Amino acid sequence: MKKTDLIVKLSEDSTLSKTETKACVDAILAALTEGIVSGEGVEVRGFGSFYRKHKKARLGINPKTKERTQVEEKFMPFFKPGKTLREVVNKN
C-alpha cells in the first residue's frame, strides 16, 4: 500500500475529504519523523515503536569489485512491532 492508497482508504472510511486526509497523514508522518530524528522515538501502544539506532563505523566490502571501503558511523531508523500487531500478523 502506497501513501496515496492509504489516503484514499482513510478518506473512504471517514467523513474527511481526500485533501483533509492528506493533511492528517502528512502531519502524522512529520511528527513521526521529528520524534525519530530528535532521539525520543515514538511509541504507539499495540502497534509498535519507531526509533533511531546508532551504527558504528565499519569496514565494508563492495561485492562487485571486492574493494574494501570504510563505512562511516550513522543513525538508522528502526521499527519494532508491538505485541498486538505481531499477534494479528501471525494469525493470518
PDB file of N, CA and C in Angstrom:
ATOM      1  N   MET A   1       0.847  -1.173   0.000  1.00  0.00           N
ATOM      2  CA  MET A   1       0.000   0.000   0.000  1.00  0.00           C
ATOM      3  C   MET A   1       0.890   1.234   0.000  1.00  0.00           C
ATOM      4  N   LYS A   2       0.629   2.111  -0.929  1.00  0.00           N
ATOM      5  CA  LYS A   2       1.377   3.350  -1.040  1.00  0.00           C
ATOM      6  C   LYS A   2       0.678   4.433  -0.219  1.00  0.00           C
ATOM      7  N   LYS A   3       1.367   5.561  -0.070  1.00  0.00           N
ATOM      8  CA  LYS A   3       0.810   6.669   0.699  1.00  0.00           C
ATOM      9  C   LYS A   3      -0.521   7.126   0.098  1.00  0.00           C
ATOM     10  N   THR A   4      -0.606   7.226  -1.218  1.00  0.00           N
ATOM     11  CA  THR A   4      -1.853   7.663  -1.855  1.00  0.00           C
ATOM     12  C   THR A   4      -2.980   6.661  -1.623  1.00  0.00           C
ATOM     13  N   ASP A   5      -2.658   5.364  -1.627  1.00  0.00           N
ATOM     14  CA  ASP A   5      -3.658   4.330  -1.345  1.00  0.00           C
ATOM     15  C   ASP A   5      -4.169   4.466   0.087  1.00  0.00           C
ATOM     16  N   LEU A   6      -3.252   4.751   1.014  1.00  0.00           N
ATOM     17  CA  LEU A   6      -3.628   4.940   2.412  1.00  0.00           C
ATOM     18  C   LEU A   6      -4.561   6.132   2.561  1.00  0.00           C
ATOM     19  N   ILE A   7      -4.253   7.222   1.883  1.00  0.00           N
ATOM     20  CA  ILE A   7      -5.086   8.426   1.949  1.00  0.00           C
ATOM     21  C   ILE A   7      -6.487   8.138   1.414  1.00  0.00           C
ATOM     22  N   VAL A   8      -6.577   7.435   0.299  1.00  0.00           N
ATOM     23  CA  VAL A   8      -7.881   7.090  -0.286  1.00  0.00           C
ATOM     24  C   VAL A   8      -8.670   6.204   0.678  1.00  0.00           C
ATOM     25  N   LYS A   9      -8.022   5.184   1.234  1.00  0.00           N
ATOM     26  CA  LYS A   9      -8.686   4.256   2.159  1.00  0.00           C
ATOM     27  C   LYS A   9      -9.197   4.990   3.392  1.00  0.00           C
ATOM     28  N   LEU A  10      -8.359   5.837   3.995  1.00  0.00           N
ATOM     29  CA  LEU A  10      -8.775   6.579   5.179  1.00  0.00           C
ATOM     30  C   LEU A  10      -9.895   7.552   4.857  1.00  0.00           C
ATOM     31  N   SER A  11      -9.829   8.166   3.698  1.00  0.00           N
ATOM     32  CA  SER A  11     -10.864   9.106   3.274  1.00  0.00           C
ATOM     33  C   SER A  11     -12.206   8.394   3.104  1.00  0.00           C
ATOM     34  N   GLU A  12     -12.175   7.192   2.531  1.00  0.00           N
ATOM     35  CA  GLU A  12     -13.404   6.411   2.344  1.00  0.00           C
ATOM     36  C   GLU A  12     -13.993   5.955   3.678  1.00  0.00           C
ATOM     37  N   ASP A  13     -13.125   5.636   4.641  1.00  0.00           N
ATOM     38  CA  ASP A  13     -13.575   5.121   5.938  1.00  0.00           C
ATOM     39  C   ASP A  13     -13.966   6.221   6.914  1.00  0.00           C
ATOM     40  N   SER A  14     -13.789   7.487   6.543  1.00  0.00           N
ATOM     41  CA  SER A  14     -14.104   8.593   7.448  1.00  0.00           C
ATOM     42  C   SER A  14     -14.976   9.618   6.736  1.00  0.00           C
ATOM     43  N   THR A  15     -15.271  10.686   7.442  1.00  0.00           N
ATOM     44  CA  THR A  15     -16.066  11.771   6.856  1.00  0.00           C
ATOM     45  C   THR A  15     -15.186  12.870   6.291  1.00  0.00           C
ATOM     46  N   LEU A  16     -13.872  12.653   6.295  1.00  0.00           N
ATOM     47  CA  LEU A  16     -12.940  13.659   5.802  1.00  0.00           C
ATOM     48  C   LEU A  16     -12.779  13.575   4.286  1.00  0.00           C
ATOM     49  N   SER A  17     -12.473  14.715   3.676  1.00  0.00           N
ATOM     50  CA  SER A  17     -12.186  14.729   2.246  1.00  0.00           C
ATOM     51  C   SER A  17     -10.768  14.208   2.029  1.00  0.00           C
ATOM     52  N   LYS A  18     -10.423  13.943   0.775  1.00  0.00           N
ATOM     53  CA  LYS A  18      -9.073  13.469   0.475  1.00  0.00           C
ATOM     54  C   LYS A  18      -8.025  14.518   0.844  1.00  0.00           C
ATOM     55  N   THR A  19      -8.342  15.793   0.639  1.00  0.00           N
ATOM     56  CA  THR A  19      -7.410  16.870   0.972  1.00  0.00           C
ATOM     57  C   THR A  19      -7.169  16.926   2.476  1.00  0.00           C
ATOM     58  N   GLU A  20      -8.237  16.816   3.266  1.00  0.00           N
ATOM     59  CA  GLU A  20      -8.104  16.829   4.726  1.00  0.00           C
ATOM     60  C   GLU A  20      -7.359  15.588   5.212  1.00  0.00           C
ATOM     61  N   THR A  21      -7.658  14.454   4.611  1.00  0.00           N
ATOM     62  CA  THR A  21      -6.985  13.209   4.979  1.00  0.00           C
ATOM     63  C   THR A  21      -5.502  13.282   4.657  1.00  0.00           C
ATOM     64  N   LYS A  22      -5.159  13.851   3.498  1.00  0.00           N
ATOM     65  CA  LYS A  22      -3.749  14.004   3.125  1.00  0.00           C
ATOM     66  C   LYS A  22      -3.034  14.893   4.135  1.00  0.00           C
ATOM     67  N   ALA A  23      -3.665  15.968   4.574  1.00  0.00           N
ATOM     68  CA  ALA A  23      -3.068  16.856   5.569  1.00  0.00           C
ATOM     69  C   ALA A  23      -2.832  16.118   6.891  1.00  0.00           C
ATOM     70  N   CYS A  24      -3.787  15.270   7.280  1.00  0.00           N
ATOM     71  CA  CYS A  24      -3.637  14.487   8.514  1.00  0.00           C
ATOM     72  C   CYS A  24      -2.489  13.487   8.401  1.00  0.00           C
ATOM     73  N   VAL A  25      -2.430  12.775   7.291  1.00  0.00           N
ATOM     74  CA  VAL A  25      -1.364  11.787   7.082  1.00  0.00           C
ATOM     75  C   VAL A  25      -0.001  12.484   7.066  1.00  0.00           C
ATOM     76  N   ASP A  26       0.099  13.614   6.376  1.00  0.00           N
ATOM     77  CA  ASP A  26       1.353  14.359   6.336  1.00  0.00           C
ATOM     78  C   ASP A  26       1.764  14.836   7.724  1.00  0.00           C
ATOM     79  N   ALA A  27       0.791  15.278   8.525  1.00  0.00           N
ATOM     80  CA  ALA A  27       1.087  15.741   9.885  1.00  0.00           C
ATOM     81  C   ALA A  27       1.585  14.590  10.757  1.00  0.00           C
ATOM     82  N   ILE A  28       0.973  13.425  10.618  1.00  0.00           N
ATOM     83  CA  ILE A  28       1.402  12.247  11.390  1.00  0.00           C
ATOM     84  C   ILE A  28       2.806  11.833  10.994  1.00  0.00           C
ATOM     85  N   LEU A  29       3.082  11.783   9.703  1.00  0.00           N
ATOM     86  CA  LEU A  29       4.418  11.398   9.229  1.00  0.00           C
ATOM     87  C   LEU A  29       5.478  12.411   9.657  1.00  0.00           C
ATOM     88  N   ALA A  30       5.134  13.702   9.650  1.00  0.00           N
ATOM     89  CA  ALA A  30       6.072  14.734  10.097  1.00  0.00           C
ATOM     90  C   ALA A  30       6.362  14.586  11.589  1.00  0.00           C
ATOM     91  N   ALA A  31       5.336  14.284  12.377  1.00  0.00           N
ATOM     92  CA  ALA A  31       5.537  14.092  13.821  1.00  0.00           C
ATOM     93  C   ALA A  31       6.381  12.847  14.093  1.00  0.00           C
ATOM     94  N   LEU A  32       6.142  11.767  13.342  1.00  0.00           N
ATOM     95  CA  LEU A  32       6.960  10.549  13.481  1.00  0.00           C
ATOM     96  C   LEU A  32       8.417  10.843  13.142  1.00  0.00           C
ATOM     97  N   THR A  33       8.632  11.545  12.045  1.00  0.00           N
ATOM     98  CA  THR A  33       9.988  11.884  11.617  1.00  0.00           C
ATOM     99  C   THR A  33      10.679  12.738  12.670  1.00  0.00           C
ATOM    100  N   GLU A  34       9.976  13.731  13.187  1.00  0.00           N
ATOM    101  CA  GLU A  34      10.547  14.617  14.203  1.00  0.00           C
ATOM    102  C   GLU A  34      10.914  13.844  15.463  1.00  0.00           C
ATOM    103  N   GLY A  35      10.053  12.922  15.874  1.00  0.00           N
ATOM    104  CA  GLY A  35      10.323  12.113  17.061  1.00  0.00           C
ATOM    105  C   GLY A  35      11.532  11.211  16.884  1.00  0.00           C
ATOM    106  N   ILE A  36      11.677  10.626  15.706  1.00  0.00           N
ATOM    107  CA  ILE A  36      12.809   9.743  15.433  1.00  0.00           C
ATOM    108  C   ILE A  36      14.104  10.542  15.360  1.00  0.00           C
ATOM    109  N   VAL A  37      14.079  11.668  14.639  1.00  0.00           N
ATOM    110  CA  VAL A  37      15.282  12.487  14.463  1.00  0.00           C
ATOM    111  C   VAL A  37      15.762  13.052  15.794  1.00  0.00           C
ATOM    112  N   SER A  38      14.824  13.446  16.657  1.00  0.00           N
ATOM    113  CA  SER A  38      15.200  14.045  17.938  1.00  0.00           C
ATOM    114  C   SER A  38      15.820  13.027  18.893  1.00  0.00           C
ATOM    115  N   GLY A  39      15.615  11.744  18.638  1.00  0.00           N
ATOM    116  CA  GLY A  39      16.161  10.710  19.506  1.00  0.00           C
ATOM    117  C   GLY A  39      15.154  10.237  20.541  1.00  0.00           C
ATOM    118  N   GLU A  40      14.020  10.903  20.671  1.00  0.00           N
ATOM    119  CA  GLU A  40      12.990  10.490  21.622  1.00  0.00           C
ATOM    120  C   GLU A  40      12.338   9.190  21.196  1.00  0.00           C
ATOM    121  N   GLY A  41      12.058   9.076  19.914  1.00  0.00           N
ATOM    122  CA  GLY A  41      11.328   7.930  19.408  1.00  0.00           C
ATOM    123  C   GLY A  41       9.837   8.170  19.554  1.00  0.00           C
ATOM    124  N   VAL A  42       9.040   7.305  18.962  1.00  0.00           N
ATOM    125  CA  VAL A  42       7.591   7.405  19.021  1.00  0.00           C
ATOM    126  C   VAL A  42       7.047   6.016  19.313  1.00  0.00           C
ATOM    127  N   GLU A  43       6.181   5.927  20.335  1.00  0.00           N
ATOM    128  CA  GLU A  43       5.575   4.648  20.682  1.00  0.00           C
ATOM    129  C   GLU A  43       4.074   4.738  20.499  1.00  0.00           C
ATOM    130  N   VAL A  44       3.520   3.816  19.717  1.00  0.00           N
ATOM    131  CA  VAL A  44       2.082   3.709  19.528  1.00  0.00           C
ATOM    132  C   VAL A  44       1.692   2.375  20.145  1.00  0.00           C
ATOM    133  N   ARG A  45       1.062   2.429  21.302  1.00  0.00           N
ATOM    134  CA  ARG A  45       0.724   1.199  22.045  1.00  0.00           C
ATOM    135  C   ARG A  45      -0.075   0.236  21.178  1.00  0.00           C
ATOM    136  N   GLY A  46       0.325  -1.028  21.190  1.00  0.00           N
ATOM    137  CA  GLY A  46      -0.348  -2.058  20.413  1.00  0.00           C
ATOM    138  C   GLY A  46       0.127  -2.136  18.971  1.00  0.00           C
ATOM    139  N   PHE A  47       0.708  -1.060  18.460  1.00  0.00           N
ATOM    140  CA  PHE A  47       1.185  -1.045  17.078  1.00  0.00           C
ATOM    141  C   PHE A  47       2.685  -1.245  17.012  1.00  0.00           C
ATOM    142  N   GLY A  48       3.445  -0.388  17.721  1.00  0.00           N
ATOM    143  CA  GLY A  48       4.890  -0.540  17.723  1.00  0.00           C
ATOM    144  C   GLY A  48       5.609   0.741  18.070  1.00  0.00           C
ATOM    145  N   SER A  49       6.940   0.675  18.008  1.00  0.00           N
ATOM    146  CA  SER A  49       7.787   1.817  18.348  1.00  0.00           C
ATOM    147  C   SER A  49       8.689   2.165  17.175  1.00  0.00           C
ATOM    148  N   PHE A  50       8.829   3.454  16.943  1.00  0.00           N
ATOM    149  CA  PHE A  50       9.738   3.973  15.930  1.00  0.00           C
ATOM    150  C   PHE A  50      10.869   4.665  16.671  1.00  0.00           C
ATOM    151  N   TYR A  51      12.114   4.350  16.333  1.00  0.00           N
ATOM    152  CA  TYR A  51      13.252   4.978  16.992  1.00  0.00           C
ATOM    153  C   TYR A  51      14.459   4.925  16.078  1.00  0.00           C
ATOM    154  N   ARG A  52      15.520   5.582  16.508  1.00  0.00           N
ATOM    155  CA  ARG A  52      16.743   5.541  15.712  1.00  0.00           C
ATOM    156  C   ARG A  52      17.785   4.715  16.448  1.00  0.00           C
ATOM    157  N   LYS A  53      18.615   4.048  15.670  1.00  0.00           N
ATOM    158  CA  LYS A  53      19.645   3.174  16.206  1.00  0.00           C
ATOM    159  C   LYS A  53      20.996   3.622  15.658  1.00  0.00           C
ATOM    160  N   HIS A  54      22.001   3.598  16.499  1.00  0.00           N
ATOM    161  CA  HIS A  54      23.343   4.019  16.097  1.00  0.00           C
ATOM    162  C   HIS A  54      24.089   2.836  15.495  1.00  0.00           C
ATOM    163  N   LYS A  55      24.673   3.047  14.339  1.00  0.00           N
ATOM    164  CA  LYS A  55      25.504   2.027  13.693  1.00  0.00           C
ATOM    165  C   LYS A  55      26.952   2.499  13.757  1.00  0.00           C
ATOM    166  N   LYS A  56      27.814   1.667  14.267  1.00  0.00           N
ATOM    167  CA  LYS A  56      29.230   2.017  14.377  1.00  0.00           C
ATOM    168  C   LYS A  56      29.902   2.006  13.011  1.00  0.00           C
ATOM    169  N   ALA A  57      31.018   2.711  12.927  1.00  0.00           N
ATOM    170  CA  ALA A  57      31.819   2.691  11.698  1.00  0.00           C
ATOM    171  C   ALA A  57      32.350   1.276  11.493  1.00  0.00           C
ATOM    172  N   ARG A  58      32.481   0.881  10.238  1.00  0.00           N
ATOM    173  CA  ARG A  58      32.951  -0.475   9.955  1.00  0.00           C
ATOM    174  C   ARG A  58      33.637  -0.504   8.598  1.00  0.00           C
ATOM    175  N   LEU A  59      34.272  -1.611   8.331  1.00  0.00           N
ATOM    176  CA  LEU A  59      34.923  -1.819   7.044  1.00  0.00           C
ATOM    177  C   LEU A  59      33.961  -2.609   6.163  1.00  0.00           C
ATOM    178  N   GLY A  60      33.543  -2.013   5.052  1.00  0.00           N
ATOM    179  CA  GLY A  60      32.621  -2.666   4.142  1.00  0.00           C
ATOM    180  C   GLY A  60      33.347  -3.175   2.909  1.00  0.00           C
ATOM    181  N   ILE A  61      32.734  -4.115   2.220  1.00  0.00           N
ATOM    182  CA  ILE A  61      33.325  -4.681   1.010  1.00  0.00           C
ATOM    183  C   ILE A  61      32.316  -4.549  -0.125  1.00  0.00           C
ATOM    184  N   ASN A  62      32.739  -3.956  -1.225  1.00  0.00           N
ATOM    185  CA  ASN A  62      31.905  -3.863  -2.414  1.00  0.00           C
ATOM    186  C   ASN A  62      31.845  -5.260  -3.027  1.00  0.00           C
ATOM    187  N   PRO A  63      30.667  -5.897  -3.081  1.00  0.00           N
ATOM    188  CA  PRO A  63      30.590  -7.270  -3.571  1.00  0.00           C
ATOM    189  C   PRO A  63      30.959  -7.418  -5.041  1.00  0.00           C
ATOM    190  N   LYS A  64      30.814  -6.354  -5.816  1.00  0.00           N
ATOM    191  CA  LYS A  64      31.111  -6.439  -7.243  1.00  0.00           C
ATOM    192  C   LYS A  64      32.617  -6.377  -7.508  1.00  0.00           C
ATOM    193  N   THR A  65      33.310  -5.414  -6.850  1.00  0.00           N
ATOM    194  CA  THR A  65      34.740  -5.210  -7.114  1.00  0.00           C
ATOM    195  C   THR A  65      35.640  -5.797  -6.026  1.00  0.00           C
ATOM    196  N   LYS A  66      35.052  -6.240  -4.933  1.00  0.00           N
ATOM    197  CA  LYS A  66      35.779  -6.766  -3.756  1.00  0.00           C
ATOM    198  C   LYS A  66      36.656  -5.687  -3.100  1.00  0.00           C
ATOM    199  N   GLU A  67      36.394  -4.427  -3.427  1.00  0.00           N
ATOM    200  CA  GLU A  67      37.159  -3.314  -2.849  1.00  0.00           C
ATOM    201  C   GLU A  67      36.667  -3.045  -1.427  1.00  0.00           C
ATOM    202  N   ARG A  68      37.615  -2.859  -0.510  1.00  0.00           N
ATOM    203  CA  ARG A  68      37.280  -2.561   0.883  1.00  0.00           C
ATOM    204  C   ARG A  68      37.128  -1.048   1.038  1.00  0.00           C
ATOM    205  N   THR A  69      36.074  -0.674   1.743  1.00  0.00           N
ATOM    206  CA  THR A  69      35.756   0.735   1.927  1.00  0.00           C
ATOM    207  C   THR A  69      35.364   0.975   3.380  1.00  0.00           C
ATOM    208  N   GLN A  70      35.779   2.111   3.912  1.00  0.00           N
ATOM    209  CA  GLN A  70      35.401   2.467   5.266  1.00  0.00           C
ATOM    210  C   GLN A  70      33.988   3.063   5.240  1.00  0.00           C
ATOM    211  N   VAL A  71      33.072   2.478   6.010  1.00  0.00           N
ATOM    212  CA  VAL A  71      31.705   2.976   6.115  1.00  0.00           C
ATOM    213  C   VAL A  71      31.621   3.780   7.408  1.00  0.00           C
ATOM    214  N   GLU A  72      31.199   5.039   7.299  1.00  0.00           N
ATOM    215  CA  GLU A  72      31.155   5.923   8.466  1.00  0.00           C
ATOM    216  C   GLU A  72      30.019   5.528   9.405  1.00  0.00           C
ATOM    217  N   GLU A  73      30.135   5.959  10.663  1.00  0.00           N
ATOM    218  CA  GLU A  73      29.062   5.710  11.609  1.00  0.00           C
ATOM    219  C   GLU A  73      27.846   6.545  11.209  1.00  0.00           C
ATOM    220  N   LYS A  74      26.660   6.041  11.573  1.00  0.00           N
ATOM    221  CA  LYS A  74      25.435   6.734  11.190  1.00  0.00           C
ATOM    222  C   LYS A  74      24.287   6.276  12.073  1.00  0.00           C
ATOM    223  N   PHE A  75      23.192   6.996  11.987  1.00  0.00           N
ATOM    224  CA  PHE A  75      21.960   6.612  12.661  1.00  0.00           C
ATOM    225  C   PHE A  75      20.991   6.077  11.622  1.00  0.00           C
ATOM    226  N   MET A  76      20.258   5.025  11.985  1.00  0.00           N
ATOM    227  CA  MET A  76      19.291   4.417  11.088  1.00  0.00           C
ATOM    228  C   MET A  76      17.932   4.363  11.786  1.00  0.00           C
ATOM    229  N   PRO A  77      16.850   4.623  11.051  1.00  0.00           N
ATOM    230  CA  PRO A  77      15.523   4.498  11.657  1.00  0.00           C
ATOM    231  C   PRO A  77      15.141   3.023  11.789  1.00  0.00           C
ATOM    232  N   PHE A  78      14.494   2.678  12.902  1.00  0.00           N
ATOM    233  CA  PHE A  78      14.058   1.305  13.138  1.00  0.00           C
ATOM    234  C   PHE A  78      12.622   1.298  13.617  1.00  0.00           C
ATOM    235  N   PHE A  79      11.926   0.201  13.359  1.00  0.00           N
ATOM    236  CA  PHE A  79      10.565  -0.013  13.816  1.00  0.00           C
ATOM    237  C   PHE A  79      10.518  -1.346  14.531  1.00  0.00           C
ATOM    238  N   LYS A  80       9.969  -1.343  15.744  1.00  0.00           N
ATOM    239  CA  LYS A  80       9.792  -2.577  16.485  1.00  0.00           C
ATOM    240  C   LYS A  80       8.292  -2.782  16.669  1.00  0.00           C
ATOM    241  N   PRO A  81       7.727  -3.823  16.071  1.00  0.00           N
ATOM    242  CA  PRO A  81       6.283  -4.028  16.161  1.00  0.00           C
ATOM    243  C   PRO A  81       5.843  -4.356  17.584  1.00  0.00           C
ATOM    244  N   GLY A  82       4.639  -3.900  17.938  1.00  0.00           N
ATOM    245  CA  GLY A  82       4.070  -4.190  19.246  1.00  0.00           C
ATOM    246  C   GLY A  82       3.477  -5.586  19.290  1.00  0.00           C
ATOM    247  N   LYS A  83       3.122  -6.022  20.492  1.00  0.00           N
ATOM    248  CA  LYS A  83       2.606  -7.369  20.690  1.00  0.00           C
ATOM    249  C   LYS A  83       1.314  -7.606  19.908  1.00  0.00           C
ATOM    250  N   THR A  84       0.395  -6.653  19.946  1.00  0.00           N
ATOM    251  CA  THR A  84      -0.879  -6.802  19.253  1.00  0.00           C
ATOM    252  C   THR A  84      -0.676  -6.945  17.745  1.00  0.00           C
ATOM    253  N   LEU A  85       0.180  -6.114  17.167  1.00  0.00           N
ATOM    254  CA  LEU A  85       0.463  -6.194  15.724  1.00  0.00           C
ATOM    255  C   LEU A  85       1.094  -7.536  15.375  1.00  0.00           C
ATOM    256  N   ARG A  86       2.049  -7.993  16.175  1.00  0.00           N
ATOM    257  CA  ARG A  86       2.682  -9.299  15.915  1.00  0.00           C
ATOM    258  C   ARG A  86       1.649 -10.418  15.939  1.00  0.00           C
ATOM    259  N   GLU A  87       0.736 -10.372  16.912  1.00  0.00           N
ATOM    260  CA  GLU A  87      -0.288 -11.417  17.019  1.00  0.00           C
ATOM    261  C   GLU A  87      -1.213 -11.426  15.815  1.00  0.00           C
ATOM    262  N   VAL A  88      -1.645 -10.237  15.380  1.00  0.00           N
ATOM    263  CA  VAL A  88      -2.536 -10.131  14.224  1.00  0.00           C
ATOM    264  C   VAL A  88      -1.859 -10.654  12.962  1.00  0.00           C
ATOM    265  N   VAL A  89      -0.598 -10.292  12.777  1.00  0.00           N
ATOM    266  CA  VAL A  89       0.141 -10.726  11.586  1.00  0.00           C
ATOM    267  C   VAL A  89       0.334 -12.240  11.594  1.00  0.00           C
ATOM    268  N   ASN A  90       0.602 -12.819  12.752  1.00  0.00           N
ATOM    269  CA  ASN A  90       0.862 -14.249  12.831  1.00  0.00           C
ATOM    270  C   ASN A  90      -0.394 -15.099  12.751  1.00  0.00           C
ATOM    271  N   LYS A  91      -1.577 -14.522  12.980  1.00  0.00           N
ATOM    272  CA  LYS A  91      -2.829 -15.280  12.854  1.00  0.00           C
ATOM    273  C   LYS A  91      -3.134 -15.589  11.393  1.00  0.00           C
ATOM    274  N   ASN A  92      -2.756 -14.694  10.504  1.00  0.00           N
ATOM    275  CA  ASN A  92      -3.071 -14.895   9.084  1.00  0.00           C
ATOM    276  C   ASN A  92      -1.961 -15.623   8.447  1.00  0.00           C
TER     277      ASN A  92
END
